[in-house]
Amino acid sequence: MQNGKIEKEKIFPKFLGRKLNYLSNKKGFLGIDNKFNFKEKAVIIPFGLEKTVSYGSGTRNGPKEIIKASHQVELYDEDLKCEPFKKIGIKTLKPIKIKKDINKAINQIAEINNNILEKKLFPFTLGGEHSITPGCIKPFVKKFKQLTLLHFDAHADLRESYAGEKFSHASAIKRCIDFKNVSVVSFGIRNISAEEIPILNKNKKRINIYWAKDKKKWDLKKFKNLIKNKNVYITFDVDGFDSSIMPATGTPEPGGIFWEEALEIIKIACKNSKVVGADVNELAPIKGFNSYNFLVAKLVYKILSYKFLLK
């Protein structure tokens, strides 16, 4: 056995090589008829982690509501002029019991993503709180020499810890840049604490922030150059959206990103870089307000469609 294989088995012992257990097409993302039999390229991972939320709660219900809402998403994409799901192949993992200890839960999603990568498939995690992301990217960090996070968020998430928890949702991006080969391009940030500023200043070469207050002056050509030909992982905290269109999240913030602005950025990434994985997190569903769940479901479908079909 090769040394690399032995090393991976030490890091990801539980899920390495394990068969992926999928929901039926009808019960999975998009609710496709079971008559469709396609070879998957993308795998949806429901992972409703909720351990460190600090204001509104409900992220544990995010994945199931995104999947439920996705059954109402129109399968034809007027931009791409096709039904992307037929060309991609999207399957959904059966939900698993998430570990109670947050460190173990983060390692759990790392193991799952590693297993999916081993099978040369595209992992897309539905959170859950943002603290999932350092675990989600762990196998990518080991796979690639350099990894760029395309980060949508209202918050910088650069705290060393929050409320005594190192793996808090408020520390998600700091935990990501603990990996020395990770850089970050953040969009929509409009909430940062004084304690995060020194961390930001210390890592200026690795962190590029497109502040929400500067939206009218965003240089997307510079963004294109930042990510051109790079391995890019998309992490989308839904509070990156303006709170007028996305109040269903633990810490909604005014002054954020709108739908078409988000799609333009994602398009640039998908056209100019190699998007290798993604997560969407921090949806806290509000009973009776399905439009917010639908928005996130459509966002997931758009990201997958642009990833696989944009040239």
Protein backbone atom coordinates (compact mmCIF):
# COMPACT_ATOMS: atom_id res chain seq x y z
CA MET A 1 0.00 0.00 0.00
CA GLN A 2 1.35 3.43 -0.92
CA ASN A 3 2.30 5.91 1.81
CA GLY A 4 -0.28 8.42 0.57
CA LYS A 5 -3.03 5.82 0.88
CA ILE A 6 -1.92 4.88 4.39
CA GLU A 7 -1.89 8.55 5.41
CA LYS A 8 -5.42 9.11 4.10
CA GLU A 9 -6.68 6.08 6.00
CA LYS A 10 -5.21 7.52 9.20
CA ILE A 11 -6.88 10.90 8.64
CA PHE A 12 -10.20 9.70 7.23
CA PRO A 13 -10.59 6.14 8.56
CA LYS A 14 -14.37 5.73 8.74
CA PHE A 15 -15.68 6.78 5.35
CA LEU A 16 -12.74 6.01 3.04
CA GLY A 17 -14.01 3.69 0.34
CA ARG A 18 -17.44 3.35 1.91
CA LYS A 19 -20.42 2.97 -0.40
CA LEU A 20 -22.45 6.16 -0.73
CA ASN A 21 -26.03 5.65 0.48
CA TYR A 22 -28.39 7.83 -1.54
CA LEU A 23 -31.98 8.89 -1.16
CA SER A 24 -34.23 7.95 -4.06
CA ASN A 25 -34.39 10.55 -6.84
CA LYS A 26 -37.88 11.60 -5.75
CA LYS A 27 -36.84 12.19 -2.15
CA GLY A 28 -33.52 13.81 -3.00
CA PHE A 29 -32.54 17.26 -4.23
CA LEU A 30 -34.83 18.47 -7.06
CA GLY A 31 -37.24 15.54 -6.59
CA ILE A 32 -36.44 13.95 -9.95
CA ASP A 33 -38.63 11.08 -11.13
CA ASN A 34 -37.20 7.72 -10.12
CA LYS A 35 -37.38 6.62 -13.76
CA PHE A 36 -34.31 8.77 -14.47
CA ASN A 37 -31.17 6.70 -14.15
CA PHE A 38 -28.08 8.83 -14.49
CA LYS A 39 -24.49 8.50 -13.36
CA GLU A 40 -23.90 11.11 -10.70
CA LYS A 41 -21.25 13.81 -10.95
CA ALA A 42 -22.42 15.82 -7.94
CA VAL A 43 -23.44 14.66 -4.46
CA ILE A 44 -25.64 16.68 -2.12
CA ILE A 45 -24.77 16.17 1.55
CA PRO A 46 -27.45 17.19 4.08
CA PHE A 47 -25.59 18.17 7.26
CA GLY A 48 -27.78 20.20 9.60
CA LEU A 49 -25.19 21.01 12.26
CA GLU A 50 -26.46 23.39 14.94
CA LYS A 51 -24.08 23.71 17.88
CA THR A 52 -22.84 27.31 18.22
CA VAL A 53 -25.58 29.58 16.84
CA SER A 54 -25.59 32.83 18.80
CA TYR A 55 -28.82 34.64 17.87
CA GLY A 56 -31.59 32.99 15.84
CA SER A 57 -31.73 29.19 15.77
CA GLY A 58 -33.01 26.56 13.35
CA THR A 59 -30.06 25.68 11.11
CA ARG A 60 -30.58 22.00 11.94
CA ASN A 61 -33.69 22.17 9.74
CA GLY A 62 -31.97 23.92 6.84
CA PRO A 63 -31.04 20.88 4.71
CA LYS A 64 -34.42 19.16 4.80
CA GLU A 65 -36.23 22.41 3.94
CA ILE A 66 -33.82 23.18 1.09
CA ILE A 67 -34.42 19.70 -0.35
CA LYS A 68 -38.18 20.04 0.12
CA ALA A 69 -38.21 23.45 -1.61
CA SER A 70 -35.99 22.14 -4.43
CA HIS A 71 -38.87 19.92 -5.57
CA GLN A 72 -40.57 23.14 -6.71
CA VAL A 73 -37.56 24.54 -8.61
CA GLU A 74 -38.07 24.64 -12.38
CA LEU A 75 -35.64 22.19 -13.93
CA TYR A 76 -35.19 24.18 -17.15
CA ASP A 77 -32.63 27.00 -16.94
CA GLU A 78 -33.49 29.91 -19.22
CA ASP A 79 -29.90 31.17 -19.04
CA LEU A 80 -28.28 27.88 -20.03
CA LYS A 81 -31.19 26.86 -22.30
CA CYS A 82 -31.40 23.28 -21.05
CA GLU A 83 -32.35 21.13 -18.06
CA PRO A 84 -28.95 21.02 -16.34
CA PHE A 85 -29.74 18.10 -14.03
CA LYS A 86 -29.80 15.73 -17.05
CA LYS A 87 -26.25 16.72 -17.99
CA ILE A 88 -24.87 16.80 -14.45
CA GLY A 89 -26.31 13.86 -12.54
CA ILE A 90 -27.13 14.93 -8.97
CA LYS A 91 -27.72 12.49 -6.13
CA THR A 92 -28.43 13.14 -2.46
CA LEU A 93 -26.90 11.30 0.47
CA LYS A 94 -29.21 9.89 3.10
CA PRO A 95 -28.95 12.11 6.21
CA ILE A 96 -26.76 10.70 8.95
CA LYS A 97 -26.77 11.23 12.71
CA ILE A 98 -24.48 14.16 13.44
CA LYS A 99 -22.06 13.78 16.33
CA LYS A 100 -22.91 15.82 19.44
CA ASP A 101 -19.35 17.01 19.98
CA ILE A 102 -18.60 19.82 17.49
CA ASN A 103 -15.02 18.67 16.82
CA LYS A 104 -16.26 15.18 16.04
CA ALA A 105 -19.04 16.60 13.85
CA ILE A 106 -16.55 18.69 11.86
CA ASN A 107 -14.35 15.63 11.35
CA GLN A 108 -17.44 13.69 10.32
CA ILE A 109 -18.19 16.02 7.38
CA ALA A 110 -14.48 15.98 6.47
CA GLU A 111 -14.59 12.18 6.23
CA ILE A 112 -17.74 12.24 4.12
CA ASN A 113 -16.32 14.79 1.68
CA ASN A 114 -13.09 12.86 1.42
CA ASN A 115 -14.98 9.71 0.48
CA ILE A 116 -16.86 11.63 -2.21
CA LEU A 117 -13.63 13.12 -3.58
CA GLU A 118 -12.05 9.66 -3.64
CA LYS A 119 -14.84 8.66 -6.02
CA LYS A 120 -14.05 11.72 -8.20
CA LEU A 121 -17.43 13.33 -7.48
CA PHE A 122 -18.33 16.93 -6.60
CA PRO A 123 -19.43 17.38 -2.95
CA PHE A 124 -22.03 20.05 -2.12
CA THR A 125 -22.91 20.32 1.57
CA LEU A 126 -26.19 21.78 2.80
CA GLY A 127 -25.74 23.22 6.30
CA GLY A 128 -26.24 23.69 9.10
CA GLU A 129 -24.19 26.46 10.60
CA HIS A 130 -21.05 27.92 9.05
CA SER A 131 -18.76 26.00 11.39
CA ILE A 132 -19.08 23.08 8.93
CA THR A 133 -16.79 24.75 6.39
CA PRO A 134 -13.36 24.04 7.96
CA GLY A 135 -14.36 20.38 8.02
CA CYS A 136 -15.78 20.48 4.50
CA ILE A 137 -12.53 21.81 3.04
CA LYS A 138 -10.14 19.54 4.97
CA PRO A 139 -9.85 16.91 2.19
CA PHE A 140 -9.49 19.66 -0.45
CA VAL A 141 -6.63 21.20 1.52
CA LYS A 142 -4.89 17.82 1.47
CA LYS A 143 -5.66 17.26 -2.23
CA PHE A 144 -4.54 20.62 -3.65
CA LYS A 145 -1.37 22.65 -3.16
CA GLN A 146 -3.46 25.84 -3.04
CA LEU A 147 -7.16 26.35 -2.36
CA THR A 148 -9.10 29.60 -2.73
CA LEU A 149 -12.33 30.08 -0.80
CA LEU A 150 -14.99 32.13 -2.54
CA HIS A 151 -16.80 33.30 0.57
CA PHE A 152 -20.22 35.00 0.63
CA ASP A 153 -21.18 36.35 4.04
CA ALA A 154 -22.36 39.32 6.06
CA HIS A 155 -19.63 38.58 8.61
CA ALA A 156 -15.87 38.16 8.31
CA ASP A 157 -15.92 35.11 10.63
CA LEU A 158 -12.28 35.77 11.57
CA ARG A 159 -12.57 35.58 15.36
CA GLU A 160 -10.05 33.29 17.01
CA SER A 161 -12.94 32.03 19.11
CA TYR A 162 -16.42 33.13 20.15
CA ALA A 163 -18.11 32.49 23.50
CA GLY A 164 -15.16 30.24 24.35
CA GLU A 165 -15.60 28.02 21.27
CA LYS A 166 -12.72 27.80 18.79
CA PHE A 167 -14.94 26.08 16.22
CA SER A 168 -17.77 28.61 16.45
CA HIS A 169 -19.66 29.71 13.33
CA ALA A 170 -18.11 33.14 14.05
CA SER A 171 -14.63 31.61 13.63
CA ALA A 172 -15.31 29.58 10.48
CA ILE A 173 -13.01 31.49 8.11
CA LYS A 174 -10.27 31.84 10.73
CA ARG A 175 -10.28 28.06 11.10
CA CYS A 176 -10.04 27.78 7.31
CA ILE A 177 -7.00 30.04 7.05
CA ASP A 178 -5.33 28.02 9.79
CA PHE A 179 -4.53 25.82 6.78
CA LYS A 180 -1.50 27.56 5.29
CA ASN A 181 -2.44 26.80 1.68
CA VAL A 182 -5.86 28.48 1.87
CA SER A 183 -6.64 31.99 0.66
CA VAL A 184 -10.00 33.77 0.78
CA VAL A 185 -12.00 36.14 -1.41
CA SER A 186 -15.00 37.40 0.56
CA PHE A 187 -18.06 39.18 -0.80
CA GLY A 188 -20.72 41.13 1.08
CA ILE A 189 -18.96 41.60 4.42
CA ARG A 190 -20.63 44.33 6.48
CA ASN A 191 -20.10 43.21 10.06
CA ILE A 192 -16.65 42.82 11.59
CA SER A 193 -15.47 43.09 15.19
CA ALA A 194 -12.48 45.05 16.50
CA GLU A 195 -10.74 41.81 17.49
CA GLU A 196 -10.86 40.57 13.88
CA ILE A 197 -9.04 43.57 12.41
CA PRO A 198 -5.53 42.51 13.53
CA ILE A 199 -6.15 39.03 12.08
CA LEU A 200 -7.28 40.61 8.80
CA ASN A 201 -4.28 42.96 8.71
CA LYS A 202 -1.88 40.10 9.44
CA ASN A 203 -3.29 38.09 6.53
CA LYS A 204 -3.72 40.81 3.88
CA LYS A 205 -1.94 38.73 1.25
CA ARG A 206 -4.32 35.82 1.83
CA ILE A 207 -7.65 37.58 2.41
CA ASN A 208 -9.34 39.87 -0.12
CA ILE A 209 -12.61 41.45 1.05
CA TYR A 210 -15.20 43.03 -1.20
CA TRP A 211 -17.03 45.10 1.42
CA ALA A 212 -20.76 45.46 1.01
CA LYS A 213 -20.50 49.24 1.53
CA ASP A 214 -18.37 49.42 -1.63
CA LYS A 215 -20.68 47.43 -3.92
CA LYS A 216 -20.90 50.19 -6.52
CA LYS A 217 -17.10 50.18 -6.79
CA TRP A 218 -16.43 46.45 -6.83
CA ASP A 219 -13.73 45.60 -9.38
CA LEU A 220 -14.86 42.24 -10.71
CA LYS A 221 -12.01 42.19 -13.22
CA LYS A 222 -9.64 42.11 -10.26
CA PHE A 223 -11.72 39.29 -8.79
CA LYS A 224 -11.46 37.38 -12.06
CA ASN A 225 -7.67 37.69 -11.92
CA LEU A 226 -7.58 36.62 -8.28
CA ILE A 227 -9.30 33.32 -9.01
CA LYS A 228 -8.20 32.67 -12.60
CA ASN A 229 -7.14 29.03 -13.06
CA LYS A 230 -7.26 28.47 -9.30
CA ASN A 231 -8.92 25.63 -7.38
CA VAL A 232 -11.93 27.36 -5.82
CA TYR A 233 -14.27 26.18 -3.09
CA ILE A 234 -17.52 28.15 -2.69
CA THR A 235 -18.87 28.71 0.82
CA PHE A 236 -22.12 30.68 0.86
CA ASP A 237 -23.50 31.86 4.19
CA VAL A 238 -27.03 32.94 3.23
CA ASP A 239 -26.82 36.00 5.49
CA GLY A 240 -24.56 37.33 2.73
CA PHE A 241 -27.84 38.16 1.01
CA ASP A 242 -29.56 41.37 2.00
CA SER A 243 -31.95 40.77 4.89
CA SER A 244 -34.87 42.01 2.77
CA ILE A 245 -34.63 38.86 0.64
CA MET A 246 -33.10 36.55 3.28
CA PRO A 247 -34.40 37.09 6.82
CA ALA A 248 -34.44 33.32 7.47
CA THR A 249 -31.00 33.17 9.03
CA GLY A 250 -29.59 33.52 12.52
CA THR A 251 -28.02 36.95 12.06
CA PRO A 252 -29.70 38.83 9.18
CA GLU A 253 -27.98 42.04 8.11
CA PRO A 254 -29.17 44.93 5.91
CA GLY A 255 -27.00 46.23 3.08
CA GLY A 256 -26.18 42.87 1.54
CA ILE A 257 -25.97 41.10 -1.80
CA PHE A 258 -28.95 40.62 -4.11
CA TRP A 259 -29.74 37.67 -6.35
CA GLU A 260 -28.32 38.88 -9.67
CA GLU A 261 -25.18 40.21 -7.98
CA ALA A 262 -24.49 36.81 -6.44
CA LEU A 263 -25.04 35.00 -9.75
CA GLU A 264 -22.68 37.35 -11.58
CA ILE A 265 -19.86 36.57 -9.12
CA ILE A 266 -20.53 32.83 -9.24
CA LYS A 267 -20.55 32.91 -13.05
CA ILE A 268 -17.14 34.59 -13.12
CA ALA A 269 -15.77 31.93 -10.78
CA CYS A 270 -17.21 29.05 -12.77
CA LYS A 271 -15.95 30.43 -16.08
CA ASN A 272 -12.44 31.29 -14.93
CA SER A 273 -11.48 28.85 -12.20
CA LYS A 274 -11.88 25.21 -11.29
CA VAL A 275 -14.72 25.08 -8.75
CA VAL A 276 -14.01 21.91 -6.79
CA GLY A 277 -16.69 21.88 -4.08
CA ALA A 278 -19.26 23.98 -2.26
CA ASP A 279 -21.40 24.47 0.79
CA VAL A 280 -24.44 26.63 1.56
CA ASN A 281 -25.09 27.31 5.21
CA GLU A 282 -26.96 29.24 7.91
CA LEU A 283 -30.51 28.89 6.56
CA ALA A 284 -32.83 28.92 9.58
CA PRO A 285 -36.26 28.22 8.05
CA ILE A 286 -39.25 30.29 9.16
CA LYS A 287 -42.47 28.29 9.28
CA GLY A 288 -44.87 29.37 6.56
CA PHE A 289 -42.29 31.42 4.62
CA ASN A 290 -41.16 28.93 2.01
CA SER A 291 -39.80 31.55 -0.41
CA TYR A 292 -36.58 31.78 1.59
CA ASN A 293 -36.03 28.03 1.45
CA PHE A 294 -36.81 28.15 -2.27
CA LEU A 295 -34.24 30.91 -2.85
CA VAL A 296 -31.51 28.73 -1.31
CA ALA A 297 -32.62 25.64 -3.26
CA LYS A 298 -32.47 27.59 -6.51
CA LEU A 299 -29.06 29.00 -5.54
CA VAL A 300 -27.72 25.46 -5.08
CA TYR A 301 -29.08 24.41 -8.49
CA LYS A 302 -27.59 27.52 -10.11
CA ILE A 303 -24.15 26.90 -8.61
CA LEU A 304 -24.18 23.30 -9.82
CA SER A 305 -25.47 24.30 -13.26
CA TYR A 306 -22.84 26.98 -13.75
CA LYS A 307 -20.09 24.72 -12.39
CA PHE A 308 -20.77 21.93 -14.86
CA LEU A 309 -22.17 23.73 -17.90
CA LEU A 310 -20.55 27.16 -18.18
CA LYS A 311 -17.53 27.32 -20.45
